[in-house]
Amino acid sequence: MTEQLVFYTHPHSRGRIVRWLLTELGVAYRTEIVPYGAAMKDPAYLAINPMGKVPAIAHGDTVVTETAAICAYLADAFPDAGLAPPPDRRAAYYRWLFFGAGPFEGVLTQYMCGFDVPAAKQYMVGFGTYPGVLDALAQTLDNQPYLAGSVFTAADVYVGSQIGWSVRAGHAEGYPALADYWSRLAARPAYARAKALDDAAEGEVAP
């Protein structure tokens, strides 16, 4: 696919996940850093993402927002990289992509905002509890190297980034499978290159 690919991001955002995926893919793209505040709410950017947040991509005339959707789209758009399983073997791949966008994202947001769902209302939330999310991931990664099985995919970039945050923050103690998994991911050359790009960009923009 030869359409121009534009990546809208900020180094203090989930755009780091998309940067990593783009680096794994090895495709050419142009980066547009969108500062927090007025720039993200400017009509020009709201035409890209009406939510006024990053990341987002424009691939020719196609615009994709939401980190998990971007990861899934890019893995399909550039199939030679092998970051999406064949269509008939995508059950686990889809499961964990949506798990990351649903329970994991929800419970991390709750945790970072510093509130707990009352026990009597747990049945109302779809994301369960932080330990429950980590338990579910550890049970899978105790038995296989990657979320979709034996092969690294875009699900590992997306959900693996969330696991990495939990490991680095010290929230995954007692889960050796998660620590080992993150060590494997963090050792990938594409992860190191993407991180270096975003770390360098941090000094150029306000948090």
N, C-alpha and C. Protein backbone atom coordinates (compact mmCIF):
# COMPACT_ATOMS: atom_id res chain seq x y z
N MET A 1 0.86 -1.19 0.00
CA MET A 1 0.00 0.00 0.00
C MET A 1 0.89 1.23 0.00
N THR A 2 0.71 2.10 -0.97
CA THR A 2 1.63 3.21 -1.16
C THR A 2 1.08 4.54 -0.68
N GLU A 3 -0.14 4.57 -0.13
CA GLU A 3 -0.69 5.83 0.34
C GLU A 3 0.17 6.39 1.48
N GLN A 4 0.23 7.72 1.55
CA GLN A 4 0.99 8.35 2.62
C GLN A 4 0.39 7.99 3.97
N LEU A 5 1.23 7.68 4.92
CA LEU A 5 0.81 7.34 6.28
C LEU A 5 1.26 8.45 7.22
N VAL A 6 0.31 9.06 7.90
CA VAL A 6 0.60 10.14 8.85
C VAL A 6 0.21 9.67 10.24
N PHE A 7 1.10 9.85 11.18
CA PHE A 7 0.94 9.40 12.56
C PHE A 7 0.83 10.63 13.46
N TYR A 8 -0.35 10.79 14.09
CA TYR A 8 -0.59 11.90 15.02
C TYR A 8 -0.38 11.37 16.43
N THR A 9 0.48 12.04 17.18
CA THR A 9 0.86 11.48 18.48
C THR A 9 1.37 12.56 19.43
N HIS A 10 1.71 12.13 20.60
CA HIS A 10 2.40 12.93 21.61
C HIS A 10 3.24 11.93 22.39
N PRO A 11 4.49 12.27 22.74
CA PRO A 11 5.33 11.28 23.41
C PRO A 11 4.84 10.89 24.80
N HIS A 12 3.99 11.71 25.40
CA HIS A 12 3.38 11.35 26.69
C HIS A 12 1.97 10.83 26.43
N SER A 13 1.84 9.77 25.66
CA SER A 13 0.51 9.27 25.33
C SER A 13 0.61 7.81 24.90
N ARG A 14 -0.55 7.23 24.64
CA ARG A 14 -0.61 5.86 24.12
C ARG A 14 -0.06 5.80 22.70
N GLY A 15 0.27 6.95 22.15
CA GLY A 15 0.93 6.96 20.85
C GLY A 15 2.23 6.18 20.85
N ARG A 16 2.84 6.02 22.01
CA ARG A 16 4.06 5.21 22.10
C ARG A 16 3.80 3.78 21.63
N ILE A 17 2.61 3.29 21.90
CA ILE A 17 2.27 1.93 21.48
C ILE A 17 2.25 1.86 19.95
N VAL A 18 1.61 2.83 19.33
CA VAL A 18 1.52 2.84 17.87
C VAL A 18 2.90 3.05 17.25
N ARG A 19 3.72 3.90 17.86
CA ARG A 19 5.09 4.10 17.36
C ARG A 19 5.84 2.76 17.34
N TRP A 20 5.68 2.00 18.41
CA TRP A 20 6.35 0.70 18.47
C TRP A 20 5.85 -0.20 17.33
N LEU A 21 4.54 -0.23 17.13
CA LEU A 21 4.01 -1.07 16.06
C LEU A 21 4.53 -0.63 14.69
N LEU A 22 4.52 0.68 14.45
CA LEU A 22 5.03 1.19 13.17
C LEU A 22 6.49 0.78 12.97
N THR A 23 7.25 0.78 14.04
CA THR A 23 8.66 0.40 13.94
C THR A 23 8.80 -1.09 13.67
N GLU A 24 7.95 -1.90 14.29
CA GLU A 24 7.94 -3.33 13.98
C GLU A 24 7.60 -3.57 12.51
N LEU A 25 6.68 -2.78 11.98
CA LEU A 25 6.27 -2.95 10.59
C LEU A 25 7.37 -2.51 9.61
N GLY A 26 8.18 -1.54 10.03
CA GLY A 26 9.24 -1.06 9.15
C GLY A 26 8.73 -0.25 7.97
N VAL A 27 7.60 0.45 8.16
CA VAL A 27 7.02 1.22 7.06
C VAL A 27 7.38 2.69 7.20
N ALA A 28 7.30 3.40 6.09
CA ALA A 28 7.55 4.84 6.10
C ALA A 28 6.31 5.58 6.56
N TYR A 29 6.50 6.60 7.38
CA TYR A 29 5.38 7.41 7.86
C TYR A 29 5.88 8.79 8.26
N ARG A 30 4.97 9.73 8.33
CA ARG A 30 5.29 11.07 8.80
C ARG A 30 4.66 11.28 10.16
N THR A 31 5.42 11.84 11.09
CA THR A 31 4.93 12.07 12.44
C THR A 31 4.46 13.51 12.60
N GLU A 32 3.27 13.67 13.17
CA GLU A 32 2.76 14.98 13.55
C GLU A 32 2.56 14.97 15.07
N ILE A 33 3.42 15.71 15.78
CA ILE A 33 3.26 15.83 17.23
C ILE A 33 2.15 16.83 17.50
N VAL A 34 1.14 16.41 18.26
CA VAL A 34 0.00 17.28 18.59
C VAL A 34 0.09 17.63 20.07
N PRO A 35 0.43 18.88 20.41
CA PRO A 35 0.53 19.25 21.82
C PRO A 35 -0.82 19.14 22.53
N TYR A 36 -0.75 18.82 23.83
CA TYR A 36 -1.97 18.83 24.63
C TYR A 36 -2.49 20.26 24.76
N GLY A 37 -3.80 20.37 24.97
CA GLY A 37 -4.40 21.69 25.12
C GLY A 37 -5.11 22.12 23.86
N ALA A 38 -4.90 23.37 23.49
CA ALA A 38 -5.65 23.96 22.38
C ALA A 38 -5.44 23.22 21.07
N ALA A 39 -4.22 22.73 20.83
CA ALA A 39 -3.94 22.08 19.54
C ALA A 39 -4.79 20.84 19.33
N MET A 40 -5.02 20.08 20.40
CA MET A 40 -5.83 18.87 20.26
C MET A 40 -7.31 19.18 20.07
N LYS A 41 -7.72 20.40 20.44
CA LYS A 41 -9.12 20.78 20.29
C LYS A 41 -9.34 21.72 19.10
N ASP A 42 -8.26 21.95 18.37
CA ASP A 42 -8.36 22.80 17.18
C ASP A 42 -9.22 22.11 16.13
N PRO A 43 -10.07 22.86 15.40
CA PRO A 43 -10.92 22.24 14.38
C PRO A 43 -10.16 21.38 13.38
N ALA A 44 -8.94 21.78 13.04
CA ALA A 44 -8.17 21.00 12.06
C ALA A 44 -7.88 19.60 12.59
N TYR A 45 -7.55 19.50 13.89
CA TYR A 45 -7.29 18.18 14.43
C TYR A 45 -8.59 17.45 14.77
N LEU A 46 -9.62 18.17 15.18
CA LEU A 46 -10.90 17.51 15.46
C LEU A 46 -11.48 16.87 14.20
N ALA A 47 -11.08 17.35 13.05
CA ALA A 47 -11.51 16.70 11.80
C ALA A 47 -10.86 15.33 11.66
N ILE A 48 -9.71 15.14 12.31
CA ILE A 48 -9.05 13.83 12.33
C ILE A 48 -9.65 12.96 13.42
N ASN A 49 -9.71 13.50 14.62
CA ASN A 49 -10.28 12.76 15.75
C ASN A 49 -11.22 13.67 16.52
N PRO A 50 -12.52 13.50 16.37
CA PRO A 50 -13.49 14.37 17.06
C PRO A 50 -13.38 14.32 18.58
N MET A 51 -12.72 13.27 19.11
CA MET A 51 -12.51 13.20 20.56
C MET A 51 -11.39 14.14 21.01
N GLY A 52 -10.62 14.64 20.08
CA GLY A 52 -9.54 15.56 20.44
C GLY A 52 -8.46 14.90 21.27
N LYS A 53 -8.04 13.70 20.87
CA LYS A 53 -6.98 13.00 21.60
C LYS A 53 -6.12 12.24 20.61
N VAL A 54 -4.97 11.81 21.07
CA VAL A 54 -4.05 11.00 20.28
C VAL A 54 -3.92 9.63 20.94
N PRO A 55 -3.48 8.64 20.14
CA PRO A 55 -2.99 8.70 18.77
C PRO A 55 -4.11 8.61 17.74
N ALA A 56 -3.71 8.89 16.50
CA ALA A 56 -4.57 8.69 15.33
C ALA A 56 -3.64 8.50 14.14
N ILE A 57 -4.17 7.88 13.09
CA ILE A 57 -3.40 7.78 11.86
C ILE A 57 -4.30 8.18 10.69
N ALA A 58 -3.66 8.68 9.65
CA ALA A 58 -4.33 8.89 8.37
C ALA A 58 -3.51 8.13 7.34
N HIS A 59 -4.16 7.19 6.67
CA HIS A 59 -3.49 6.38 5.66
C HIS A 59 -4.18 6.64 4.34
N GLY A 60 -3.62 7.58 3.56
CA GLY A 60 -4.34 8.07 2.40
C GLY A 60 -5.59 8.77 2.88
N ASP A 61 -6.75 8.35 2.40
CA ASP A 61 -8.02 8.95 2.82
C ASP A 61 -8.64 8.25 4.03
N THR A 62 -7.99 7.22 4.54
CA THR A 62 -8.53 6.45 5.66
C THR A 62 -7.99 6.99 6.98
N VAL A 63 -8.88 7.29 7.90
CA VAL A 63 -8.49 7.76 9.23
C VAL A 63 -8.89 6.68 10.24
N VAL A 64 -7.97 6.38 11.15
CA VAL A 64 -8.25 5.41 12.21
C VAL A 64 -7.84 6.02 13.54
N THR A 65 -8.73 5.93 14.53
CA THR A 65 -8.43 6.35 15.89
C THR A 65 -8.60 5.13 16.81
N GLU A 66 -8.27 5.30 18.06
CA GLU A 66 -8.32 4.26 19.10
C GLU A 66 -7.15 3.30 18.89
N THR A 67 -6.34 3.20 19.93
CA THR A 67 -5.05 2.52 19.81
C THR A 67 -5.18 1.08 19.33
N ALA A 68 -6.09 0.32 19.92
CA ALA A 68 -6.24 -1.07 19.50
C ALA A 68 -6.67 -1.18 18.05
N ALA A 69 -7.59 -0.30 17.64
CA ALA A 69 -8.05 -0.32 16.24
C ALA A 69 -6.91 0.05 15.30
N ILE A 70 -6.09 1.01 15.69
CA ILE A 70 -4.94 1.40 14.86
C ILE A 70 -4.00 0.21 14.70
N CYS A 71 -3.73 -0.48 15.81
CA CYS A 71 -2.82 -1.63 15.75
C CYS A 71 -3.38 -2.71 14.82
N ALA A 72 -4.67 -3.02 14.97
CA ALA A 72 -5.28 -4.04 14.13
C ALA A 72 -5.27 -3.62 12.66
N TYR A 73 -5.60 -2.36 12.40
CA TYR A 73 -5.64 -1.86 11.02
C TYR A 73 -4.26 -1.95 10.38
N LEU A 74 -3.24 -1.48 11.07
CA LEU A 74 -1.91 -1.46 10.50
C LEU A 74 -1.38 -2.87 10.25
N ALA A 75 -1.67 -3.79 11.15
CA ALA A 75 -1.22 -5.17 10.96
C ALA A 75 -1.85 -5.76 9.70
N ASP A 76 -3.09 -5.40 9.42
CA ASP A 76 -3.76 -5.87 8.19
C ASP A 76 -3.27 -5.11 6.96
N ALA A 77 -3.01 -3.82 7.12
CA ALA A 77 -2.61 -3.01 5.97
C ALA A 77 -1.24 -3.37 5.45
N PHE A 78 -0.39 -3.91 6.34
CA PHE A 78 0.98 -4.27 5.95
C PHE A 78 1.23 -5.74 6.32
N PRO A 79 0.59 -6.65 5.61
CA PRO A 79 0.61 -8.07 6.01
C PRO A 79 1.98 -8.73 5.91
N ASP A 80 2.89 -8.18 5.13
CA ASP A 80 4.19 -8.82 4.95
C ASP A 80 4.96 -8.91 6.27
N ALA A 81 4.64 -8.04 7.24
CA ALA A 81 5.32 -8.07 8.53
C ALA A 81 4.87 -9.22 9.40
N GLY A 82 3.74 -9.84 9.07
CA GLY A 82 3.27 -11.00 9.82
C GLY A 82 2.80 -10.70 11.22
N LEU A 83 2.27 -9.51 11.46
CA LEU A 83 1.83 -9.14 12.81
C LEU A 83 0.36 -9.43 13.08
N ALA A 84 -0.32 -10.03 12.11
CA ALA A 84 -1.69 -10.52 12.32
C ALA A 84 -1.73 -11.97 11.86
N PRO A 85 -2.31 -12.87 12.66
CA PRO A 85 -2.40 -14.27 12.23
C PRO A 85 -3.31 -14.39 11.00
N PRO A 86 -3.24 -15.51 10.30
CA PRO A 86 -4.20 -15.76 9.21
C PRO A 86 -5.63 -15.67 9.74
N PRO A 87 -6.58 -15.26 8.91
CA PRO A 87 -7.96 -15.06 9.38
C PRO A 87 -8.55 -16.25 10.13
N ASP A 88 -8.19 -17.47 9.74
CA ASP A 88 -8.79 -18.63 10.40
C ASP A 88 -8.10 -18.99 11.71
N ARG A 89 -7.09 -18.19 12.12
CA ARG A 89 -6.41 -18.45 13.39
C ARG A 89 -6.35 -17.17 14.24
N ARG A 90 -7.40 -16.39 14.17
CA ARG A 90 -7.38 -15.10 14.87
C ARG A 90 -8.20 -15.05 16.17
N ALA A 91 -8.74 -16.16 16.62
CA ALA A 91 -9.61 -16.11 17.80
C ALA A 91 -8.88 -15.52 19.00
N ALA A 92 -7.71 -16.06 19.34
CA ALA A 92 -6.96 -15.56 20.50
C ALA A 92 -6.47 -14.14 20.26
N TYR A 93 -6.06 -13.88 19.03
CA TYR A 93 -5.58 -12.54 18.66
C TYR A 93 -6.67 -11.51 18.92
N TYR A 94 -7.88 -11.74 18.43
CA TYR A 94 -8.98 -10.81 18.67
C TYR A 94 -9.34 -10.75 20.15
N ARG A 95 -9.35 -11.91 20.78
CA ARG A 95 -9.71 -11.94 22.20
C ARG A 95 -8.85 -10.98 23.01
N TRP A 96 -7.52 -11.07 22.81
CA TRP A 96 -6.64 -10.26 23.66
C TRP A 96 -6.59 -8.80 23.22
N LEU A 97 -6.74 -8.52 21.94
CA LEU A 97 -6.85 -7.11 21.53
C LEU A 97 -8.04 -6.44 22.21
N PHE A 98 -9.18 -7.12 22.20
CA PHE A 98 -10.37 -6.54 22.82
C PHE A 98 -10.29 -6.58 24.34
N PHE A 99 -9.61 -7.56 24.89
CA PHE A 99 -9.39 -7.60 26.33
C PHE A 99 -8.57 -6.38 26.76
N GLY A 100 -7.55 -6.05 25.96
CA GLY A 100 -6.73 -4.87 26.27
C GLY A 100 -7.52 -3.59 26.20
N ALA A 101 -8.39 -3.48 25.17
CA ALA A 101 -9.18 -2.26 25.00
C ALA A 101 -10.35 -2.19 25.97
N GLY A 102 -10.74 -3.33 26.54
CA GLY A 102 -11.88 -3.36 27.46
C GLY A 102 -11.43 -3.49 28.90
N PRO A 103 -11.35 -4.72 29.45
CA PRO A 103 -11.02 -4.88 30.86
C PRO A 103 -9.70 -4.23 31.29
N PHE A 104 -8.63 -4.42 30.50
CA PHE A 104 -7.34 -3.90 30.95
C PHE A 104 -7.33 -2.38 30.95
N GLU A 105 -7.79 -1.77 29.87
CA GLU A 105 -7.85 -0.30 29.81
C GLU A 105 -8.74 0.25 30.91
N GLY A 106 -9.90 -0.39 31.13
CA GLY A 106 -10.82 0.09 32.15
C GLY A 106 -10.25 0.02 33.54
N VAL A 107 -9.63 -1.10 33.86
CA VAL A 107 -9.13 -1.26 35.23
C VAL A 107 -7.90 -0.39 35.47
N LEU A 108 -7.07 -0.19 34.44
CA LEU A 108 -5.92 0.71 34.60
C LEU A 108 -6.37 2.15 34.80
N THR A 109 -7.39 2.57 34.06
CA THR A 109 -7.92 3.92 34.24
C THR A 109 -8.47 4.11 35.65
N GLN A 110 -9.22 3.13 36.13
CA GLN A 110 -9.74 3.20 37.48
C GLN A 110 -8.60 3.31 38.49
N TYR A 111 -7.59 2.47 38.31
CA TYR A 111 -6.47 2.45 39.26
C TYR A 111 -5.72 3.78 39.25
N MET A 112 -5.42 4.29 38.06
CA MET A 112 -4.65 5.52 37.96
C MET A 112 -5.42 6.73 38.45
N CYS A 113 -6.75 6.67 38.39
CA CYS A 113 -7.58 7.77 38.90
C CYS A 113 -7.81 7.65 40.40
N GLY A 114 -7.39 6.55 40.99
CA GLY A 114 -7.42 6.42 42.44
C GLY A 114 -8.78 6.13 43.05
N PHE A 115 -9.61 5.35 42.35
CA PHE A 115 -10.87 4.99 42.97
C PHE A 115 -11.14 3.51 42.77
N ASP A 116 -11.95 2.95 43.66
CA ASP A 116 -12.34 1.55 43.59
C ASP A 116 -13.83 1.45 43.36
N VAL A 117 -14.23 0.47 42.59
CA VAL A 117 -15.65 0.20 42.41
C VAL A 117 -16.14 -0.50 43.68
N PRO A 118 -17.20 -0.03 44.32
CA PRO A 118 -17.71 -0.70 45.52
C PRO A 118 -18.00 -2.17 45.23
N ALA A 119 -17.72 -3.03 46.20
CA ALA A 119 -17.88 -4.46 46.01
C ALA A 119 -19.30 -4.80 45.56
N ALA A 120 -20.28 -4.09 46.09
CA ALA A 120 -21.68 -4.38 45.75
C ALA A 120 -22.01 -4.03 44.31
N LYS A 121 -21.12 -3.23 43.66
CA LYS A 121 -21.41 -2.81 42.27
C LYS A 121 -20.43 -3.43 41.28
N GLN A 122 -19.60 -4.36 41.74
CA GLN A 122 -18.64 -4.98 40.83
C GLN A 122 -19.32 -5.65 39.65
N TYR A 123 -20.50 -6.19 39.88
CA TYR A 123 -21.19 -6.90 38.80
C TYR A 123 -21.59 -5.96 37.67
N MET A 124 -21.56 -4.66 37.91
CA MET A 124 -21.99 -3.70 36.90
C MET A 124 -20.88 -3.31 35.93
N VAL A 125 -19.63 -3.56 36.31
CA VAL A 125 -18.52 -3.12 35.48
C VAL A 125 -17.96 -4.29 34.68
N GLY A 126 -17.58 -4.01 33.46
CA GLY A 126 -17.09 -5.07 32.59
C GLY A 126 -15.62 -5.38 32.76
N PHE A 127 -14.90 -4.54 33.53
CA PHE A 127 -13.46 -4.74 33.58
C PHE A 127 -13.00 -5.51 34.80
N GLY A 128 -13.88 -5.85 35.71
CA GLY A 128 -13.48 -6.66 36.86
C GLY A 128 -12.53 -5.92 37.78
N THR A 129 -11.47 -6.61 38.21
CA THR A 129 -10.50 -6.03 39.13
C THR A 129 -9.10 -6.13 38.52
N TYR A 130 -8.20 -5.32 39.03
CA TYR A 130 -6.81 -5.35 38.55
C TYR A 130 -6.20 -6.74 38.75
N PRO A 131 -6.27 -7.32 39.95
CA PRO A 131 -5.72 -8.68 40.11
C PRO A 131 -6.39 -9.69 39.19
N GLY A 132 -7.69 -9.54 38.97
CA GLY A 132 -8.38 -10.47 38.08
C GLY A 132 -7.86 -10.38 36.66
N VAL A 133 -7.58 -9.16 36.19
CA VAL A 133 -7.03 -8.95 34.85
C VAL A 133 -5.64 -9.58 34.75
N LEU A 134 -4.80 -9.32 35.75
CA LEU A 134 -3.45 -9.88 35.73
C LEU A 134 -3.48 -11.40 35.81
N ASP A 135 -4.40 -11.94 36.61
CA ASP A 135 -4.54 -13.40 36.70
C ASP A 135 -4.86 -14.00 35.33
N ALA A 136 -5.80 -13.39 34.62
CA ALA A 136 -6.22 -13.91 33.32
C ALA A 136 -5.05 -13.91 32.33
N LEU A 137 -4.27 -12.84 32.33
CA LEU A 137 -3.13 -12.75 31.43
C LEU A 137 -2.04 -13.75 31.82
N ALA A 138 -1.78 -13.86 33.12
CA ALA A 138 -0.73 -14.77 33.58
C ALA A 138 -1.07 -16.22 33.26
N GLN A 139 -2.34 -16.58 33.38
CA GLN A 139 -2.74 -17.96 33.07
C GLN A 139 -2.41 -18.31 31.63
N THR A 140 -2.59 -17.36 30.73
CA THR A 140 -2.26 -17.61 29.33
C THR A 140 -0.75 -17.62 29.10
N LEU A 141 -0.05 -16.65 29.67
CA LEU A 141 1.37 -16.51 29.40
C LEU A 141 2.22 -17.48 30.20
N ASP A 142 1.62 -18.20 31.14
CA ASP A 142 2.31 -19.31 31.80
C ASP A 142 2.54 -20.46 30.83
N ASN A 143 1.72 -20.54 29.79
CA ASN A 143 1.70 -21.71 28.92
C ASN A 143 2.16 -21.45 27.49
N GLN A 144 2.40 -20.19 27.15
CA GLN A 144 2.82 -19.88 25.77
C GLN A 144 3.59 -18.58 25.78
N PRO A 145 4.46 -18.37 24.78
CA PRO A 145 5.33 -17.18 24.82
C PRO A 145 4.63 -15.88 24.48
N TYR A 146 3.56 -15.95 23.67
CA TYR A 146 2.87 -14.74 23.24
C TYR A 146 1.37 -14.91 23.39
N LEU A 147 0.65 -13.82 23.33
CA LEU A 147 -0.78 -13.88 23.62
C LEU A 147 -1.56 -14.72 22.63
N ALA A 148 -1.19 -14.68 21.36
CA ALA A 148 -1.91 -15.45 20.35
C ALA A 148 -1.31 -16.82 20.12
N GLY A 149 -0.29 -17.18 20.90
CA GLY A 149 0.33 -18.49 20.75
C GLY A 149 1.84 -18.40 20.67
N SER A 150 2.41 -19.01 19.65
CA SER A 150 3.87 -19.09 19.55
C SER A 150 4.48 -17.94 18.76
N VAL A 151 3.64 -17.09 18.16
CA VAL A 151 4.14 -16.04 17.27
C VAL A 151 3.77 -14.66 17.81
N PHE A 152 4.72 -13.74 17.78
CA PHE A 152 4.52 -12.35 18.18
C PHE A 152 3.57 -11.66 17.20
N THR A 153 2.57 -10.93 17.73
CA THR A 153 1.59 -10.23 16.89
C THR A 153 1.35 -8.81 17.41
N ALA A 154 0.50 -8.10 16.69
CA ALA A 154 0.11 -6.75 17.13
C ALA A 154 -0.57 -6.77 18.49
N ALA A 155 -1.19 -7.89 18.87
CA ALA A 155 -1.79 -7.97 20.21
C ALA A 155 -0.73 -7.86 21.28
N ASP A 156 0.46 -8.37 21.01
CA ASP A 156 1.54 -8.26 22.00
C ASP A 156 2.04 -6.83 22.12
N VAL A 157 2.03 -6.09 21.02
CA VAL A 157 2.42 -4.68 21.10
C VAL A 157 1.42 -3.91 21.96
N TYR A 158 0.13 -4.12 21.70
CA TYR A 158 -0.89 -3.35 22.40
C TYR A 158 -1.04 -3.78 23.86
N VAL A 159 -1.37 -5.04 24.07
CA VAL A 159 -1.59 -5.51 25.45
C VAL A 159 -0.26 -5.61 26.19
N GLY A 160 0.79 -5.99 25.46
CA GLY A 160 2.10 -6.06 26.09
C GLY A 160 2.56 -4.72 26.65
N SER A 161 2.21 -3.64 25.98
CA SER A 161 2.56 -2.31 26.50
C SER A 161 1.87 -2.05 27.84
N GLN A 162 0.63 -2.51 27.97
CA GLN A 162 -0.10 -2.33 29.23
C GLN A 162 0.51 -3.21 30.32
N ILE A 163 0.89 -4.43 29.95
CA ILE A 163 1.56 -5.31 30.90
C ILE A 163 2.89 -4.68 31.33
N GLY A 164 3.61 -4.13 30.35
CA GLY A 164 4.88 -3.49 30.67
C GLY A 164 4.72 -2.37 31.66
N TRP A 165 3.67 -1.56 31.49
CA TRP A 165 3.43 -0.48 32.45
C TRP A 165 3.20 -1.05 33.85
N SER A 166 2.43 -2.11 33.94
CA SER A 166 2.13 -2.72 35.24
C SER A 166 3.39 -3.30 35.87
N VAL A 167 4.22 -3.95 35.06
CA VAL A 167 5.46 -4.52 35.58
C VAL A 167 6.39 -3.42 36.07
N ARG A 168 6.59 -2.39 35.27
CA ARG A 168 7.51 -1.31 35.64
C ARG A 168 7.02 -0.54 36.86
N ALA A 169 5.70 -0.46 37.03
CA ALA A 169 5.14 0.25 38.18
C ALA A 169 5.14 -0.60 39.44
N GLY A 170 5.57 -1.84 39.33
CA GLY A 170 5.62 -2.72 40.49
C GLY A 170 4.29 -3.33 40.87
N HIS A 171 3.34 -3.33 39.93
CA HIS A 171 2.01 -3.84 40.23
C HIS A 171 1.85 -5.31 39.88
N ALA A 172 2.85 -5.90 39.26
CA ALA A 172 2.73 -7.29 38.81
C ALA A 172 3.63 -8.22 39.60
N GLU A 173 4.01 -7.80 40.81
CA GLU A 173 4.81 -8.69 41.65
C GLU A 173 3.99 -9.94 41.97
N GLY A 174 4.66 -11.07 41.96
CA GLY A 174 3.94 -12.33 42.15
C GLY A 174 3.44 -12.93 40.86
N TYR A 175 3.75 -12.28 39.73
CA TYR A 175 3.36 -12.79 38.42
C TYR A 175 4.62 -12.96 37.56
N PRO A 176 5.44 -13.97 37.83
CA PRO A 176 6.68 -14.12 37.07
C PRO A 176 6.46 -14.29 35.57
N ALA A 177 5.34 -14.89 35.19
CA ALA A 177 5.07 -15.05 33.76
C ALA A 177 4.94 -13.71 33.07
N LEU A 178 4.34 -12.73 33.76
CA LEU A 178 4.18 -11.40 33.16
C LEU A 178 5.52 -10.67 33.10
N ALA A 179 6.34 -10.81 34.15
CA ALA A 179 7.65 -10.17 34.14
C ALA A 179 8.52 -10.76 33.03
N ASP A 180 8.48 -12.08 32.87
CA ASP A 180 9.28 -12.72 31.83
C ASP A 180 8.80 -12.30 30.45
N TYR A 181 7.49 -12.25 30.30
CA TYR A 181 6.90 -11.84 29.02
C TYR A 181 7.35 -10.43 28.65
N TRP A 182 7.27 -9.51 29.61
CA TRP A 182 7.66 -8.14 29.32
C TRP A 182 9.16 -8.05 29.00
N SER A 183 9.97 -8.85 29.67
CA SER A 183 11.40 -8.85 29.36
C SER A 183 11.65 -9.25 27.91
N ARG A 184 10.89 -10.23 27.43
CA ARG A 184 11.04 -10.65 26.03
C ARG A 184 10.64 -9.51 25.09
N LEU A 185 9.55 -8.85 25.40
CA LEU A 185 9.09 -7.77 24.51
C LEU A 185 10.05 -6.58 24.53
N ALA A 186 10.50 -6.20 25.73
CA ALA A 186 11.37 -5.03 25.85
C ALA A 186 12.72 -5.26 25.19
N ALA A 187 13.09 -6.52 24.96
CA ALA A 187 14.36 -6.83 24.31
C ALA A 187 14.27 -6.75 22.79
N ARG A 188 13.08 -6.52 22.26
CA ARG A 188 12.94 -6.45 20.80
C ARG A 188 13.60 -5.17 20.27
N PRO A 189 14.39 -5.27 19.23
CA PRO A 189 15.05 -4.08 18.69
C PRO A 189 14.08 -2.98 18.29
N ALA A 190 12.93 -3.34 17.74
CA ALA A 190 11.96 -2.32 17.33
C ALA A 190 11.43 -1.55 18.53
N TYR A 191 11.26 -2.23 19.64
CA TYR A 191 10.80 -1.53 20.85
C TYR A 191 11.84 -0.50 21.28
N ALA A 192 13.10 -0.89 21.29
CA ALA A 192 14.16 0.04 21.70
C ALA A 192 14.24 1.24 20.76
N ARG A 193 14.12 1.00 19.45
CA ARG A 193 14.20 2.12 18.50
C ARG A 193 13.01 3.06 18.67
N ALA A 194 11.82 2.51 18.84
CA ALA A 194 10.63 3.35 19.01
C ALA A 194 10.72 4.15 20.30
N LYS A 195 11.16 3.51 21.36
CA LYS A 195 11.29 4.21 22.65
C LYS A 195 12.28 5.36 22.54
N ALA A 196 13.38 5.14 21.84
CA ALA A 196 14.38 6.20 21.68
C ALA A 196 13.80 7.40 20.94
N LEU A 197 12.98 7.15 19.93
CA LEU A 197 12.36 8.25 19.19
C LEU A 197 11.44 9.05 20.08
N ASP A 198 10.61 8.37 20.86
CA ASP A 198 9.66 9.09 21.73
C ASP A 198 10.37 9.77 22.89
N ASP A 199 11.42 9.13 23.43
CA ASP A 199 12.17 9.77 24.50
C ASP A 199 12.81 11.07 24.00
N ALA A 200 13.33 11.05 22.79
CA ALA A 200 13.93 12.25 22.22
C ALA A 200 12.87 13.34 22.01
N ALA A 201 11.66 12.94 21.61
CA ALA A 201 10.60 13.91 21.35
C ALA A 201 10.08 14.54 22.63
N GLU A 202 10.25 13.86 23.76
CA GLU A 202 9.75 14.40 25.03
C GLU A 202 10.35 15.77 25.34
N GLY A 203 11.60 15.96 24.97
CA GLY A 203 12.24 17.22 25.27
C GLY A 203 11.79 18.37 24.38
N GLU A 204 11.01 18.06 23.36
CA GLU A 204 10.60 19.08 22.40
C GLU A 204 9.19 19.61 22.64
N VAL A 205 8.43 18.94 23.51
CA VAL A 205 7.05 19.33 23.74
C VAL A 205 6.75 19.34 25.22
N ALA A 206 5.73 20.09 25.60
CA ALA A 206 5.31 20.12 27.00
C ALA A 206 4.57 18.82 27.33
N PRO A 207 4.65 18.35 28.61
CA PRO A 207 3.93 17.14 28.99
C PRO A 207 2.43 17.31 28.82
